[in-house]
């Protein structure tokens, strides 16, 4: 049921992780050095792939499928690597 890990691009996983952290499109755009329109497109693609209509639903879907845990593990690895 939750075979979405391979359906999301790396960038979509990055955007989803920042959405899960509560960042706005503007903050995500700044952090990833992309436009807010591009962030919005990634969020729309996530909605389509998860068949959901809100950020909250996308996060819940990702939590239930274990993807949010994987994303946060990747983030912590990135933080450790940059230190």
N, C-alpha and C. Protein backbone atom coordinates (compact mmCIF):
# COMPACT_ATOMS: atom_id res chain seq x y z
N UNK A 1 0.82 -1.21 0.00
CA UNK A 1 0.00 0.00 0.00
C UNK A 1 0.85 1.26 0.00
N UNK A 2 1.99 1.23 0.68
CA UNK A 2 2.83 2.41 0.79
C UNK A 2 4.12 2.24 -0.02
N UNK A 3 3.99 1.91 -1.28
CA UNK A 3 5.16 1.71 -2.14
C UNK A 3 5.55 3.01 -2.82
N UNK A 4 5.66 4.06 -2.03
CA UNK A 4 5.92 5.37 -2.63
C UNK A 4 7.37 5.78 -2.59
N UNK A 5 8.19 5.11 -1.82
CA UNK A 5 9.58 5.55 -1.69
C UNK A 5 10.24 5.67 -3.05
N UNK A 6 10.01 4.71 -3.93
CA UNK A 6 10.63 4.75 -5.25
C UNK A 6 9.88 5.68 -6.20
N UNK A 7 8.65 6.04 -5.84
CA UNK A 7 7.88 6.94 -6.71
C UNK A 7 8.29 8.39 -6.54
N UNK A 8 8.83 8.75 -5.39
CA UNK A 8 9.24 10.13 -5.17
C UNK A 8 10.68 10.32 -5.64
N UNK A 9 10.90 11.46 -6.26
CA UNK A 9 12.28 11.81 -6.62
C UNK A 9 13.02 12.23 -5.36
N UNK A 10 14.32 12.29 -5.45
CA UNK A 10 15.12 12.75 -4.31
C UNK A 10 14.69 14.14 -3.88
N UNK A 11 14.47 15.02 -4.85
CA UNK A 11 14.06 16.40 -4.52
C UNK A 11 12.69 16.42 -3.86
N UNK A 12 11.77 15.58 -4.32
CA UNK A 12 10.45 15.51 -3.68
C UNK A 12 10.57 15.03 -2.25
N UNK A 13 11.47 14.08 -1.99
CA UNK A 13 11.69 13.63 -0.61
C UNK A 13 12.27 14.76 0.23
N UNK A 14 13.16 15.55 -0.34
CA UNK A 14 13.72 16.69 0.40
C UNK A 14 12.62 17.70 0.72
N UNK A 15 11.79 18.01 -0.27
CA UNK A 15 10.69 18.95 -0.05
C UNK A 15 9.73 18.41 1.00
N UNK A 16 9.37 17.13 0.89
CA UNK A 16 8.45 16.52 1.85
C UNK A 16 9.01 16.59 3.27
N UNK A 17 10.30 16.36 3.41
CA UNK A 17 10.90 16.42 4.75
C UNK A 17 10.79 17.82 5.34
N UNK A 18 10.98 18.83 4.51
CA UNK A 18 10.88 20.21 5.00
C UNK A 18 9.44 20.60 5.25
N UNK A 19 8.52 20.09 4.45
CA UNK A 19 7.09 20.30 4.71
C UNK A 19 6.73 19.68 6.07
N UNK A 20 7.24 18.47 6.31
CA UNK A 20 6.96 17.77 7.58
C UNK A 20 7.52 18.54 8.76
N UNK A 21 8.58 19.30 8.54
CA UNK A 21 9.15 20.13 9.61
C UNK A 21 8.40 21.45 9.79
N UNK A 22 7.40 21.68 8.92
CA UNK A 22 6.56 22.88 9.05
C UNK A 22 7.04 24.09 8.29
N UNK A 23 8.00 23.91 7.40
CA UNK A 23 8.52 25.05 6.65
C UNK A 23 7.52 25.53 5.60
N UNK A 24 7.52 26.81 5.34
CA UNK A 24 6.70 27.40 4.28
C UNK A 24 7.38 27.15 2.94
N UNK A 25 6.63 27.37 1.86
CA UNK A 25 7.22 27.24 0.53
C UNK A 25 8.42 28.18 0.37
N UNK A 26 8.28 29.37 0.89
CA UNK A 26 9.37 30.35 0.78
C UNK A 26 10.63 29.86 1.49
N UNK A 27 10.46 29.33 2.70
CA UNK A 27 11.60 28.83 3.48
C UNK A 27 12.23 27.62 2.79
N UNK A 28 11.39 26.74 2.25
CA UNK A 28 11.89 25.56 1.53
C UNK A 28 12.68 26.02 0.31
N UNK A 29 12.14 26.97 -0.42
CA UNK A 29 12.81 27.50 -1.61
C UNK A 29 14.18 28.07 -1.25
N UNK A 30 14.24 28.84 -0.18
CA UNK A 30 15.52 29.40 0.25
C UNK A 30 16.51 28.31 0.62
N UNK A 31 16.05 27.33 1.37
CA UNK A 31 16.92 26.27 1.84
C UNK A 31 17.46 25.40 0.69
N UNK A 32 16.62 25.16 -0.32
CA UNK A 32 17.03 24.30 -1.43
C UNK A 32 17.54 25.09 -2.64
N UNK A 33 17.54 26.41 -2.53
CA UNK A 33 18.00 27.29 -3.61
C UNK A 33 17.21 27.06 -4.91
N UNK A 34 15.88 27.02 -4.76
CA UNK A 34 14.98 26.90 -5.89
C UNK A 34 13.87 27.94 -5.72
N UNK A 35 13.05 28.12 -6.75
CA UNK A 35 11.97 29.10 -6.65
C UNK A 35 10.79 28.54 -5.86
N UNK A 36 9.96 29.43 -5.36
CA UNK A 36 8.76 28.99 -4.64
C UNK A 36 7.81 28.27 -5.60
N UNK A 37 7.82 28.66 -6.85
CA UNK A 37 6.98 27.98 -7.85
C UNK A 37 7.43 26.53 -8.03
N UNK A 38 8.74 26.31 -8.01
CA UNK A 38 9.26 24.95 -8.13
C UNK A 38 8.89 24.13 -6.90
N UNK A 39 8.96 24.75 -5.72
CA UNK A 39 8.54 24.05 -4.50
C UNK A 39 7.08 23.65 -4.63
N UNK A 40 6.26 24.59 -5.07
CA UNK A 40 4.83 24.30 -5.22
C UNK A 40 4.60 23.16 -6.20
N UNK A 41 5.37 23.10 -7.27
CA UNK A 41 5.24 22.01 -8.24
C UNK A 41 5.62 20.68 -7.60
N UNK A 42 6.70 20.66 -6.80
CA UNK A 42 7.09 19.43 -6.11
C UNK A 42 6.00 18.97 -5.14
N UNK A 43 5.42 19.91 -4.41
CA UNK A 43 4.35 19.58 -3.46
C UNK A 43 3.14 19.02 -4.23
N UNK A 44 2.80 19.64 -5.35
CA UNK A 44 1.69 19.14 -6.18
C UNK A 44 1.97 17.73 -6.68
N UNK A 45 3.20 17.46 -7.09
CA UNK A 45 3.57 16.12 -7.55
C UNK A 45 3.45 15.10 -6.43
N UNK A 46 3.84 15.48 -5.22
CA UNK A 46 3.71 14.60 -4.06
C UNK A 46 2.23 14.28 -3.81
N UNK A 47 1.39 15.31 -3.87
CA UNK A 47 -0.05 15.10 -3.69
C UNK A 47 -0.58 14.10 -4.71
N UNK A 48 -0.19 14.25 -5.96
CA UNK A 48 -0.65 13.33 -7.01
C UNK A 48 -0.16 11.91 -6.76
N UNK A 49 1.10 11.77 -6.42
CA UNK A 49 1.67 10.44 -6.20
C UNK A 49 1.09 9.74 -4.98
N UNK A 50 0.74 10.52 -3.96
CA UNK A 50 0.15 9.95 -2.74
C UNK A 50 -1.38 9.92 -2.81
N UNK A 51 -1.96 10.53 -3.84
CA UNK A 51 -3.42 10.64 -3.98
C UNK A 51 -4.04 11.31 -2.76
N UNK A 52 -3.45 12.45 -2.38
CA UNK A 52 -3.94 13.25 -1.26
C UNK A 52 -4.15 14.68 -1.74
N UNK A 53 -4.80 15.50 -0.89
CA UNK A 53 -5.08 16.87 -1.31
C UNK A 53 -4.59 17.93 -0.34
N UNK A 54 -3.78 17.53 0.64
CA UNK A 54 -3.26 18.52 1.57
C UNK A 54 -1.88 18.11 2.08
N UNK A 55 -1.16 19.08 2.60
CA UNK A 55 0.15 18.80 3.18
C UNK A 55 0.02 17.86 4.38
N UNK A 56 -0.99 18.11 5.18
CA UNK A 56 -1.20 17.26 6.35
C UNK A 56 -1.44 15.82 5.94
N UNK A 57 -2.27 15.61 4.94
CA UNK A 57 -2.55 14.25 4.46
C UNK A 57 -1.29 13.60 3.90
N UNK A 58 -0.48 14.37 3.20
CA UNK A 58 0.78 13.83 2.66
C UNK A 58 1.72 13.41 3.78
N UNK A 59 1.81 14.21 4.82
CA UNK A 59 2.67 13.88 5.95
C UNK A 59 2.15 12.63 6.68
N UNK A 60 0.84 12.58 6.91
CA UNK A 60 0.25 11.40 7.56
C UNK A 60 0.52 10.15 6.73
N UNK A 61 0.33 10.24 5.43
CA UNK A 61 0.58 9.11 4.54
C UNK A 61 2.04 8.67 4.64
N UNK A 62 2.94 9.63 4.65
CA UNK A 62 4.37 9.32 4.73
C UNK A 62 4.74 8.72 6.09
N UNK A 63 4.12 9.21 7.16
CA UNK A 63 4.38 8.66 8.50
C UNK A 63 3.90 7.21 8.57
N UNK A 64 2.68 6.96 8.09
CA UNK A 64 2.12 5.60 8.13
C UNK A 64 2.94 4.62 7.31
N UNK A 65 3.53 5.10 6.24
CA UNK A 65 4.34 4.24 5.40
C UNK A 65 5.79 4.15 5.82
N UNK A 66 6.16 4.91 6.85
CA UNK A 66 7.53 4.87 7.35
C UNK A 66 8.50 5.76 6.61
N UNK A 67 8.02 6.52 5.63
CA UNK A 67 8.93 7.36 4.85
C UNK A 67 9.45 8.54 5.65
N UNK A 68 8.63 9.13 6.51
CA UNK A 68 9.09 10.28 7.28
C UNK A 68 10.25 9.89 8.17
N UNK A 69 10.19 8.70 8.76
CA UNK A 69 11.32 8.23 9.57
C UNK A 69 12.57 8.15 8.71
N UNK A 70 12.44 7.59 7.49
CA UNK A 70 13.57 7.48 6.60
C UNK A 70 14.12 8.84 6.21
N UNK A 71 13.22 9.78 5.94
CA UNK A 71 13.63 11.13 5.56
C UNK A 71 14.39 11.78 6.70
N UNK A 72 13.88 11.69 7.93
CA UNK A 72 14.55 12.32 9.05
C UNK A 72 15.89 11.65 9.34
N UNK A 73 16.00 10.36 9.09
CA UNK A 73 17.28 9.68 9.24
C UNK A 73 18.27 10.22 8.22
N UNK A 74 17.82 10.46 6.99
CA UNK A 74 18.68 11.02 5.96
C UNK A 74 19.12 12.44 6.34
N UNK A 75 18.19 13.22 6.89
CA UNK A 75 18.53 14.58 7.30
C UNK A 75 19.58 14.55 8.39
N UNK A 76 19.41 13.69 9.38
CA UNK A 76 20.39 13.63 10.46
C UNK A 76 21.74 13.18 9.93
N UNK A 77 21.76 12.29 8.94
CA UNK A 77 23.01 11.89 8.32
C UNK A 77 23.66 13.08 7.62
N UNK A 78 22.86 13.89 6.94
CA UNK A 78 23.39 15.07 6.24
C UNK A 78 23.98 16.06 7.25
N UNK A 79 23.30 16.24 8.37
CA UNK A 79 23.79 17.18 9.39
C UNK A 79 25.10 16.69 9.96
N UNK A 80 25.18 15.40 10.23
CA UNK A 80 26.41 14.82 10.79
C UNK A 80 27.56 14.96 9.79
N UNK A 81 27.29 14.73 8.50
CA UNK A 81 28.32 14.83 7.48
C UNK A 81 28.86 16.24 7.31
N UNK A 82 28.04 17.27 7.58
CA UNK A 82 28.48 18.65 7.39
C UNK A 82 29.24 19.19 8.59
N UNK A 83 29.26 18.46 9.67
CA UNK A 83 29.98 18.96 10.86
C UNK A 83 31.43 18.63 10.81
